[in-house]
Amino acid sequence: MVSINGRLGKSKGSPTSGEKFEQEFYMTVGEVASTLRSLADEIEGRGRVEASSEGWTLGVSPAEPMKLEVQYKHDPARRELEFQLKLKENP
């Protein structure tokens, strides 16, 4: 299980409502690296991938292919590189 630590940011929805849930976290470099390592271990285990934080645990048994999106925003004042990983479970 991937334990997500860090300072909580914006939240949308509820993890128990059955609707879409989103939670932002603000972390140190070390916390992000540790979270990504734990996530990689869960994925390589080819079983259920679970994530937890304060008061909730969510998980799926992901199917291949997995989707990774990379976005880059180039603004002279602010550059941004975003990674979004989608783990979908087959019904």
PDB file of N, CA and C in Angstrom:
ATOM      1  N   MET A   1       0.840  -1.174   0.000  1.00  0.00           N
ATOM      2  CA  MET A   1       0.000   0.000   0.000  1.00  0.00           C
ATOM      3  C   MET A   1       0.887   1.240   0.000  1.00  0.00           C
ATOM      4  N   VAL A   2       0.501   2.208  -0.807  1.00  0.00           N
ATOM      5  CA  VAL A   2       1.235   3.465  -0.897  1.00  0.00           C
ATOM      6  C   VAL A   2       0.638   4.433   0.111  1.00  0.00           C
ATOM      7  N   SER A   3       1.425   4.804   1.094  1.00  0.00           N
ATOM      8  CA  SER A   3       0.984   5.777   2.091  1.00  0.00           C
ATOM      9  C   SER A   3       1.392   7.159   1.605  1.00  0.00           C
ATOM     10  N   ILE A   4       0.399   8.024   1.411  1.00  0.00           N
ATOM     11  CA  ILE A   4       0.670   9.358   0.879  1.00  0.00           C
ATOM     12  C   ILE A   4       0.735  10.348   2.030  1.00  0.00           C
ATOM     13  N   ASN A   5       1.903  10.944   2.187  1.00  0.00           N
ATOM     14  CA  ASN A   5       2.117  11.923   3.251  1.00  0.00           C
ATOM     15  C   ASN A   5       2.311  13.294   2.633  1.00  0.00           C
ATOM     16  N   GLY A   6       2.295  14.280   3.447  1.00  0.00           N
ATOM     17  CA  GLY A   6       2.479  15.641   2.964  1.00  0.00           C
ATOM     18  C   GLY A   6       1.366  16.523   3.482  1.00  0.00           C
ATOM     19  N   ARG A   7       1.471  17.781   3.137  1.00  0.00           N
ATOM     20  CA  ARG A   7       0.454  18.749   3.563  1.00  0.00           C
ATOM     21  C   ARG A   7      -0.712  18.678   2.587  1.00  0.00           C
ATOM     22  N   LEU A   8      -1.920  18.565   3.118  1.00  0.00           N
ATOM     23  CA  LEU A   8      -3.107  18.482   2.276  1.00  0.00           C
ATOM     24  C   LEU A   8      -3.375  19.808   1.583  1.00  0.00           C
ATOM     25  N   GLY A   9      -3.772  19.713   0.321  1.00  0.00           N
ATOM     26  CA  GLY A   9      -4.166  20.879  -0.457  1.00  0.00           C
ATOM     27  C   GLY A   9      -5.641  20.785  -0.782  1.00  0.00           C
ATOM     28  N   LYS A  10      -6.012  21.237  -1.972  1.00  0.00           N
ATOM     29  CA  LYS A  10      -7.409  21.228  -2.396  1.00  0.00           C
ATOM     30  C   LYS A  10      -7.949  19.808  -2.453  1.00  0.00           C
ATOM     31  N   SER A  11      -9.227  19.684  -2.135  1.00  0.00           N
ATOM     32  CA  SER A  11      -9.910  18.402  -2.176  1.00  0.00           C
ATOM     33  C   SER A  11     -11.240  18.586  -2.886  1.00  0.00           C
ATOM     34  N   LYS A  12     -11.641  17.558  -3.638  1.00  0.00           N
ATOM     35  CA  LYS A  12     -12.911  17.614  -4.355  1.00  0.00           C
ATOM     36  C   LYS A  12     -13.583  16.256  -4.252  1.00  0.00           C
ATOM     37  N   GLY A  13     -14.829  16.229  -3.815  1.00  0.00           N
ATOM     38  CA  GLY A  13     -15.555  14.977  -3.676  1.00  0.00           C
ATOM     39  C   GLY A  13     -15.203  14.280  -2.380  1.00  0.00           C
ATOM     40  N   SER A  14     -15.679  13.045  -2.272  1.00  0.00           N
ATOM     41  CA  SER A  14     -15.435  12.239  -1.076  1.00  0.00           C
ATOM     42  C   SER A  14     -15.007  10.841  -1.502  1.00  0.00           C
ATOM     43  N   PRO A  15     -14.006  10.260  -0.845  1.00  0.00           N
ATOM     44  CA  PRO A  15     -13.553   8.919  -1.237  1.00  0.00           C
ATOM     45  C   PRO A  15     -14.592   7.837  -0.961  1.00  0.00           C
ATOM     46  N   THR A  16     -15.604   8.133  -0.169  1.00  0.00           N
ATOM     47  CA  THR A  16     -16.613   7.131   0.168  1.00  0.00           C
ATOM     48  C   THR A  16     -17.946   7.352  -0.536  1.00  0.00           C
ATOM     49  N   SER A  17     -18.066   8.397  -1.351  1.00  0.00           N
ATOM     50  CA  SER A  17     -19.353   8.729  -1.968  1.00  0.00           C
ATOM     51  C   SER A  17     -19.643   7.941  -3.241  1.00  0.00           C
ATOM     52  N   GLY A  18     -18.636   7.306  -3.823  1.00  0.00           N
ATOM     53  CA  GLY A  18     -18.832   6.610  -5.083  1.00  0.00           C
ATOM     54  C   GLY A  18     -18.716   7.533  -6.284  1.00  0.00           C
ATOM     55  N   GLU A  19     -18.455   8.802  -6.049  1.00  0.00           N
ATOM     56  CA  GLU A  19     -18.270   9.765  -7.127  1.00  0.00           C
ATOM     57  C   GLU A  19     -16.783  10.060  -7.273  1.00  0.00           C
ATOM     58  N   LYS A  20     -16.463  10.934  -8.213  1.00  0.00           N
ATOM     59  CA  LYS A  20     -15.066  11.302  -8.443  1.00  0.00           C
ATOM     60  C   LYS A  20     -14.484  11.979  -7.201  1.00  0.00           C
ATOM     61  N   PHE A  21     -13.266  11.595  -6.864  1.00  0.00           N
ATOM     62  CA  PHE A  21     -12.568  12.138  -5.700  1.00  0.00           C
ATOM     63  C   PHE A  21     -11.200  12.623  -6.145  1.00  0.00           C
ATOM     64  N   GLU A  22     -10.812  13.802  -5.696  1.00  0.00           N
ATOM     65  CA  GLU A  22      -9.486  14.354  -5.972  1.00  0.00           C
ATOM     66  C   GLU A  22      -8.923  14.954  -4.694  1.00  0.00           C
ATOM     67  N   GLN A  23      -7.620  14.772  -4.487  1.00  0.00           N
ATOM     68  CA  GLN A  23      -6.949  15.347  -3.326  1.00  0.00           C
ATOM     69  C   GLN A  23      -5.563  15.789  -3.758  1.00  0.00           C
ATOM     70  N   GLU A  24      -5.215  17.020  -3.480  1.00  0.00           N
ATOM     71  CA  GLU A  24      -3.867  17.519  -3.752  1.00  0.00           C
ATOM     72  C   GLU A  24      -3.020  17.376  -2.497  1.00  0.00           C
ATOM     73  N   PHE A  25      -1.723  17.138  -2.707  1.00  0.00           N
ATOM     74  CA  PHE A  25      -0.769  17.058  -1.610  1.00  0.00           C
ATOM     75  C   PHE A  25       0.425  17.938  -1.943  1.00  0.00           C
ATOM     76  N   TYR A  26       0.974  18.574  -0.943  1.00  0.00           N
ATOM     77  CA  TYR A  26       2.210  19.341  -1.080  1.00  0.00           C
ATOM     78  C   TYR A  26       3.275  18.603  -0.283  1.00  0.00           C
ATOM     79  N   MET A  27       4.373  18.220  -0.962  1.00  0.00           N
ATOM     80  CA  MET A  27       5.383  17.359  -0.350  1.00  0.00           C
ATOM     81  C   MET A  27       6.785  17.890  -0.581  1.00  0.00           C
ATOM     82  N   THR A  28       7.687  17.390   0.236  1.00  0.00           N
ATOM     83  CA  THR A  28       9.104  17.649   0.023  1.00  0.00           C
ATOM     84  C   THR A  28       9.593  16.749  -1.114  1.00  0.00           C
ATOM     85  N   VAL A  29      10.781  17.026  -1.611  1.00  0.00           N
ATOM     86  CA  VAL A  29      11.378  16.190  -2.652  1.00  0.00           C
ATOM     87  C   VAL A  29      11.484  14.743  -2.164  1.00  0.00           C
ATOM     88  N   GLY A  30      11.920  14.548  -0.933  1.00  0.00           N
ATOM     89  CA  GLY A  30      12.058  13.206  -0.376  1.00  0.00           C
ATOM     90  C   GLY A  30      10.730  12.475  -0.277  1.00  0.00           C
ATOM     91  N   GLU A  31       9.675  13.186   0.118  1.00  0.00           N
ATOM     92  CA  GLU A  31       8.348  12.563   0.224  1.00  0.00           C
ATOM     93  C   GLU A  31       7.819  12.147  -1.148  1.00  0.00           C
ATOM     94  N   VAL A  32       8.023  12.994  -2.154  1.00  0.00           N
ATOM     95  CA  VAL A  32       7.577  12.651  -3.510  1.00  0.00           C
ATOM     96  C   VAL A  32       8.339  11.431  -4.014  1.00  0.00           C
ATOM     97  N   ALA A  33       9.655  11.423  -3.853  1.00  0.00           N
ATOM     98  CA  ALA A  33      10.472  10.301  -4.321  1.00  0.00           C
ATOM     99  C   ALA A  33      10.063   9.003  -3.629  1.00  0.00           C
ATOM    100  N   SER A  34       9.829   9.046  -2.340  1.00  0.00           N
ATOM    101  CA  SER A  34       9.414   7.861  -1.590  1.00  0.00           C
ATOM    102  C   SER A  34       8.048   7.360  -2.057  1.00  0.00           C
ATOM    103  N   THR A  35       7.124   8.278  -2.293  1.00  0.00           N
ATOM    104  CA  THR A  35       5.788   7.905  -2.763  1.00  0.00           C
ATOM    105  C   THR A  35       5.871   7.247  -4.137  1.00  0.00           C
ATOM    106  N   LEU A  36       6.676   7.805  -5.041  1.00  0.00           N
ATOM    107  CA  LEU A  36       6.812   7.231  -6.377  1.00  0.00           C
ATOM    108  C   LEU A  36       7.475   5.857  -6.338  1.00  0.00           C
ATOM    109  N   ARG A  37       8.465   5.670  -5.460  1.00  0.00           N
ATOM    110  CA  ARG A  37       9.100   4.348  -5.317  1.00  0.00           C
ATOM    111  C   ARG A  37       8.089   3.319  -4.826  1.00  0.00           C
ATOM    112  N   SER A  38       7.301   3.695  -3.828  1.00  0.00           N
ATOM    113  CA  SER A  38       6.277   2.787  -3.296  1.00  0.00           C
ATOM    114  C   SER A  38       5.248   2.445  -4.366  1.00  0.00           C
ATOM    115  N   LEU A  39       4.851   3.434  -5.148  1.00  0.00           N
ATOM    116  CA  LEU A  39       3.889   3.199  -6.221  1.00  0.00           C
ATOM    117  C   LEU A  39       4.473   2.253  -7.271  1.00  0.00           C
ATOM    118  N   ALA A  40       5.728   2.454  -7.637  1.00  0.00           N
ATOM    119  CA  ALA A  40       6.382   1.572  -8.611  1.00  0.00           C
ATOM    120  C   ALA A  40       6.420   0.133  -8.095  1.00  0.00           C
ATOM    121  N   ASP A  41       6.726  -0.057  -6.822  1.00  0.00           N
ATOM    122  CA  ASP A  41       6.746  -1.400  -6.231  1.00  0.00           C
ATOM    123  C   ASP A  41       5.366  -2.045  -6.298  1.00  0.00           C
ATOM    124  N   GLU A  42       4.319  -1.278  -5.999  1.00  0.00           N
ATOM    125  CA  GLU A  42       2.945  -1.802  -6.051  1.00  0.00           C
ATOM    126  C   GLU A  42       2.603  -2.228  -7.483  1.00  0.00           C
ATOM    127  N   ILE A  43       2.930  -1.398  -8.459  1.00  0.00           N
ATOM    128  CA  ILE A  43       2.613  -1.702  -9.855  1.00  0.00           C
ATOM    129  C   ILE A  43       3.375  -2.940 -10.318  1.00  0.00           C
ATOM    130  N   GLU A  44       4.665  -3.025  -9.993  1.00  0.00           N
ATOM    131  CA  GLU A  44       5.471  -4.179 -10.403  1.00  0.00           C
ATOM    132  C   GLU A  44       4.997  -5.471  -9.758  1.00  0.00           C
ATOM    133  N   GLY A  45       4.322  -5.380  -8.616  1.00  0.00           N
ATOM    134  CA  GLY A  45       3.784  -6.560  -7.953  1.00  0.00           C
ATOM    135  C   GLY A  45       2.624  -7.186  -8.709  1.00  0.00           C
ATOM    136  N   ARG A  46       2.088  -6.468  -9.689  1.00  0.00           N
ATOM    137  CA  ARG A  46       1.015  -6.930 -10.569  1.00  0.00           C
ATOM    138  C   ARG A  46      -0.241  -7.372  -9.834  1.00  0.00           C
ATOM    139  N   GLY A  47      -0.453  -6.847  -8.668  1.00  0.00           N
ATOM    140  CA  GLY A  47      -1.675  -7.136  -7.924  1.00  0.00           C
ATOM    141  C   GLY A  47      -2.476  -5.863  -7.745  1.00  0.00           C
ATOM    142  N   ARG A  48      -3.154  -5.787  -6.644  1.00  0.00           N
ATOM    143  CA  ARG A  48      -3.958  -4.611  -6.325  1.00  0.00           C
ATOM    144  C   ARG A  48      -3.032  -3.454  -5.942  1.00  0.00           C
ATOM    145  N   VAL A  49      -3.306  -2.289  -6.464  1.00  0.00           N
ATOM    146  CA  VAL A  49      -2.545  -1.084  -6.142  1.00  0.00           C
ATOM    147  C   VAL A  49      -3.428  -0.231  -5.242  1.00  0.00           C
ATOM    148  N   GLU A  50      -2.950   0.023  -4.031  1.00  0.00           N
ATOM    149  CA  GLU A  50      -3.730   0.797  -3.068  1.00  0.00           C
ATOM    150  C   GLU A  50      -2.946   2.014  -2.606  1.00  0.00           C
ATOM    151  N   ALA A  51      -3.683   3.088  -2.378  1.00  0.00           N
ATOM    152  CA  ALA A  51      -3.110   4.323  -1.846  1.00  0.00           C
ATOM    153  C   ALA A  51      -3.938   4.737  -0.642  1.00  0.00           C
ATOM    154  N   SER A  52      -3.269   5.282   0.369  1.00  0.00           N
ATOM    155  CA  SER A  52      -4.001   5.710   1.558  1.00  0.00           C
ATOM    156  C   SER A  52      -3.430   7.017   2.085  1.00  0.00           C
ATOM    157  N   SER A  53      -4.298   7.747   2.748  1.00  0.00           N
ATOM    158  CA  SER A  53      -3.927   8.969   3.434  1.00  0.00           C
ATOM    159  C   SER A  53      -4.842   9.084   4.638  1.00  0.00           C
ATOM    160  N   GLU A  54      -4.899  10.242   5.219  1.00  0.00           N
ATOM    161  CA  GLU A  54      -5.686  10.448   6.426  1.00  0.00           C
ATOM    162  C   GLU A  54      -7.155  10.103   6.202  1.00  0.00           C
ATOM    163  N   GLY A  55      -7.600   8.977   6.757  1.00  0.00           N
ATOM    164  CA  GLY A  55      -9.013   8.631   6.737  1.00  0.00           C
ATOM    165  C   GLY A  55      -9.528   7.906   5.512  1.00  0.00           C
ATOM    166  N   TRP A  56      -8.673   7.567   4.556  1.00  0.00           N
ATOM    167  CA  TRP A  56      -9.161   6.838   3.391  1.00  0.00           C
ATOM    168  C   TRP A  56      -8.102   5.917   2.799  1.00  0.00           C
ATOM    169  N   THR A  57      -8.587   4.864   2.144  1.00  0.00           N
ATOM    170  CA  THR A  57      -7.763   3.941   1.364  1.00  0.00           C
ATOM    171  C   THR A  57      -8.537   3.630   0.090  1.00  0.00           C
ATOM    172  N   LEU A  58      -7.874   3.760  -1.041  1.00  0.00           N
ATOM    173  CA  LEU A  58      -8.491   3.496  -2.341  1.00  0.00           C
ATOM    174  C   LEU A  58      -7.586   2.569  -3.131  1.00  0.00           C
ATOM    175  N   GLY A  59      -8.173   1.733  -3.981  1.00  0.00           N
ATOM    176  CA  GLY A  59      -7.337   0.849  -4.770  1.00  0.00           C
ATOM    177  C   GLY A  59      -8.039   0.263  -5.974  1.00  0.00           C
ATOM    178  N   VAL A  60      -7.229  -0.224  -6.899  1.00  0.00           N
ATOM    179  CA  VAL A  60      -7.701  -0.919  -8.095  1.00  0.00           C
ATOM    180  C   VAL A  60      -6.727  -2.050  -8.405  1.00  0.00           C
ATOM    181  N   SER A  61      -7.214  -3.022  -9.183  1.00  0.00           N
ATOM    182  CA  SER A  61      -6.347  -4.055  -9.747  1.00  0.00           C
ATOM    183  C   SER A  61      -6.161  -3.671 -11.210  1.00  0.00           C
ATOM    184  N   PRO A  62      -5.088  -2.944 -11.519  1.00  0.00           N
ATOM    185  CA  PRO A  62      -4.959  -2.348 -12.851  1.00  0.00           C
ATOM    186  C   PRO A  62      -4.719  -3.361 -13.962  1.00  0.00           C
ATOM    187  N   ALA A  63      -5.282  -3.019 -15.115  1.00  0.00           N
ATOM    188  CA  ALA A  63      -5.091  -3.816 -16.320  1.00  0.00           C
ATOM    189  C   ALA A  63      -4.141  -3.072 -17.254  1.00  0.00           C
ATOM    190  N   GLU A  64      -3.485  -3.818 -18.112  1.00  0.00           N
ATOM    191  CA  GLU A  64      -2.626  -3.201 -19.113  1.00  0.00           C
ATOM    192  C   GLU A  64      -3.443  -2.949 -20.368  1.00  0.00           C
ATOM    193  N   PRO A  65      -3.110  -1.994 -21.183  1.00  0.00           N
ATOM    194  CA  PRO A  65      -2.015  -1.059 -20.989  1.00  0.00           C
ATOM    195  C   PRO A  65      -2.391   0.038 -20.002  1.00  0.00           C
ATOM    196  N   MET A  66      -1.405   0.509 -19.287  1.00  0.00           N
ATOM    197  CA  MET A  66      -1.591   1.643 -18.387  1.00  0.00           C
ATOM    198  C   MET A  66      -1.296   2.909 -19.179  1.00  0.00           C
ATOM    199  N   LYS A  67      -1.898   3.995 -18.765  1.00  0.00           N
ATOM    200  CA  LYS A  67      -1.743   5.242 -19.510  1.00  0.00           C
ATOM    201  C   LYS A  67      -0.960   6.255 -18.685  1.00  0.00           C
ATOM    202  N   LEU A  68       0.097   6.792 -19.283  1.00  0.00           N
ATOM    203  CA  LEU A  68       0.889   7.847 -18.668  1.00  0.00           C
ATOM    204  C   LEU A  68       0.861   9.048 -19.600  1.00  0.00           C
ATOM    205  N   GLU A  69       0.378  10.163 -19.099  1.00  0.00           N
ATOM    206  CA  GLU A  69       0.362  11.399 -19.874  1.00  0.00           C
ATOM    207  C   GLU A  69       1.467  12.311 -19.368  1.00  0.00           C
ATOM    208  N   VAL A  70       2.143  12.959 -20.296  1.00  0.00           N
ATOM    209  CA  VAL A  70       3.166  13.942 -19.949  1.00  0.00           C
ATOM    210  C   VAL A  70       2.758  15.257 -20.602  1.00  0.00           C
ATOM    211  N   GLN A  71       2.702  16.303 -19.803  1.00  0.00           N
ATOM    212  CA  GLN A  71       2.375  17.633 -20.315  1.00  0.00           C
ATOM    213  C   GLN A  71       3.490  18.588 -19.923  1.00  0.00           C
ATOM    214  N   TYR A  72       3.818  19.463 -20.853  1.00  0.00           N
ATOM    215  CA  TYR A  72       4.832  20.478 -20.589  1.00  0.00           C
ATOM    216  C   TYR A  72       4.261  21.827 -20.976  1.00  0.00           C
ATOM    217  N   LYS A  73       4.310  22.753 -20.061  1.00  0.00           N
ATOM    218  CA  LYS A  73       3.842  24.110 -20.325  1.00  0.00           C
ATOM    219  C   LYS A  73       5.053  25.027 -20.275  1.00  0.00           C
ATOM    220  N   HIS A  74       5.284  25.680 -21.390  1.00  0.00           N
ATOM    221  CA  HIS A  74       6.446  26.563 -21.482  1.00  0.00           C
ATOM    222  C   HIS A  74       5.971  28.008 -21.472  1.00  0.00           C
ATOM    223  N   ASP A  75       6.183  28.630 -20.382  1.00  0.00           N
ATOM    224  CA  ASP A  75       5.871  30.048 -20.219  1.00  0.00           C
ATOM    225  C   ASP A  75       7.167  30.668 -19.718  1.00  0.00           C
ATOM    226  N   PRO A  76       7.628  31.733 -20.324  1.00  0.00           N
ATOM    227  CA  PRO A  76       8.892  32.329 -19.876  1.00  0.00           C
ATOM    228  C   PRO A  76       8.934  32.618 -18.375  1.00  0.00           C
ATOM    229  N   ALA A  77       7.792  32.916 -17.792  1.00  0.00           N
ATOM    230  CA  ALA A  77       7.761  33.219 -16.360  1.00  0.00           C
ATOM    231  C   ALA A  77       7.659  31.956 -15.511  1.00  0.00           C
ATOM    232  N   ARG A  78       7.105  30.878 -16.110  1.00  0.00           N
ATOM    233  CA  ARG A  78       6.880  29.670 -15.310  1.00  0.00           C
ATOM    234  C   ARG A  78       6.793  28.441 -16.216  1.00  0.00           C
ATOM    235  N   ARG A  79       7.691  27.508 -16.034  1.00  0.00           N
ATOM    236  CA  ARG A  79       7.647  26.244 -16.777  1.00  0.00           C
ATOM    237  C   ARG A  79       7.059  25.178 -15.875  1.00  0.00           C
ATOM    238  N   GLU A  80       6.326  24.255 -16.486  1.00  0.00           N
ATOM    239  CA  GLU A  80       5.667  23.215 -15.694  1.00  0.00           C
ATOM    240  C   GLU A  80       5.715  21.891 -16.449  1.00  0.00           C
ATOM    241  N   LEU A  81       6.125  20.830 -15.757  1.00  0.00           N
ATOM    242  CA  LEU A  81       6.147  19.476 -16.301  1.00  0.00           C
ATOM    243  C   LEU A  81       5.207  18.639 -15.446  1.00  0.00           C
ATOM    244  N   GLU A  82       4.202  18.048 -16.075  1.00  0.00           N
ATOM    245  CA  GLU A  82       3.181  17.304 -15.328  1.00  0.00           C
ATOM    246  C   GLU A  82       3.124  15.861 -15.821  1.00  0.00           C
ATOM    247  N   PHE A  83       3.045  14.926 -14.873  1.00  0.00           N
ATOM    248  CA  PHE A  83       2.875  13.508 -15.170  1.00  0.00           C
ATOM    249  C   PHE A  83       1.542  13.072 -14.577  1.00  0.00           C
ATOM    250  N   GLN A  84       0.748  12.364 -15.373  1.00  0.00           N
ATOM    251  CA  GLN A  84      -0.512  11.826 -14.871  1.00  0.00           C
ATOM    252  C   GLN A  84      -0.568  10.354 -15.260  1.00  0.00           C
ATOM    253  N   LEU A  85      -0.684   9.488 -14.261  1.00  0.00           N
ATOM    254  CA  LEU A  85      -0.739   8.045 -14.465  1.00  0.00           C
ATOM    255  C   LEU A  85      -2.162   7.581 -14.211  1.00  0.00           C
ATOM    256  N   LYS A  86      -2.711   6.816 -15.159  1.00  0.00           N
ATOM    257  CA  LYS A  86      -4.070   6.301 -14.999  1.00  0.00           C
ATOM    258  C   LYS A  86      -4.012   4.786 -14.887  1.00  0.00           C
ATOM    259  N   LEU A  87      -4.484   4.273 -13.769  1.00  0.00           N
ATOM    260  CA  LEU A  87      -4.567   2.836 -13.537  1.00  0.00           C
ATOM    261  C   LEU A  87      -6.042   2.464 -13.588  1.00  0.00           C
ATOM    262  N   LYS A  88      -6.432   1.746 -14.631  1.00  0.00           N
ATOM    263  CA  LYS A  88      -7.839   1.383 -14.798  1.00  0.00           C
ATOM    264  C   LYS A  88      -8.022  -0.105 -14.572  1.00  0.00           C
ATOM    265  N   GLU A  89      -9.137  -0.430 -13.949  1.00  0.00           N
ATOM    266  CA  GLU A  89      -9.480  -1.813 -13.665  1.00  0.00           C
ATOM    267  C   GLU A  89     -10.510  -2.277 -14.691  1.00  0.00           C
ATOM    268  N   ASN A  90     -10.299  -3.454 -15.269  1.00  0.00           N
ATOM    269  CA  ASN A  90     -11.299  -4.004 -16.183  1.00  0.00           C
ATOM    270  C   ASN A  90     -12.495  -4.491 -15.382  1.00  0.00           C
ATOM    271  N   PRO A  91     -13.700  -4.230 -15.907  1.00  0.00           N
ATOM    272  CA  PRO A  91     -14.905  -4.681 -15.173  1.00  0.00           C
ATOM    273  C   PRO A  91     -15.030  -6.188 -15.138  1.00  0.00           C
TER     274      PRO A  91
END
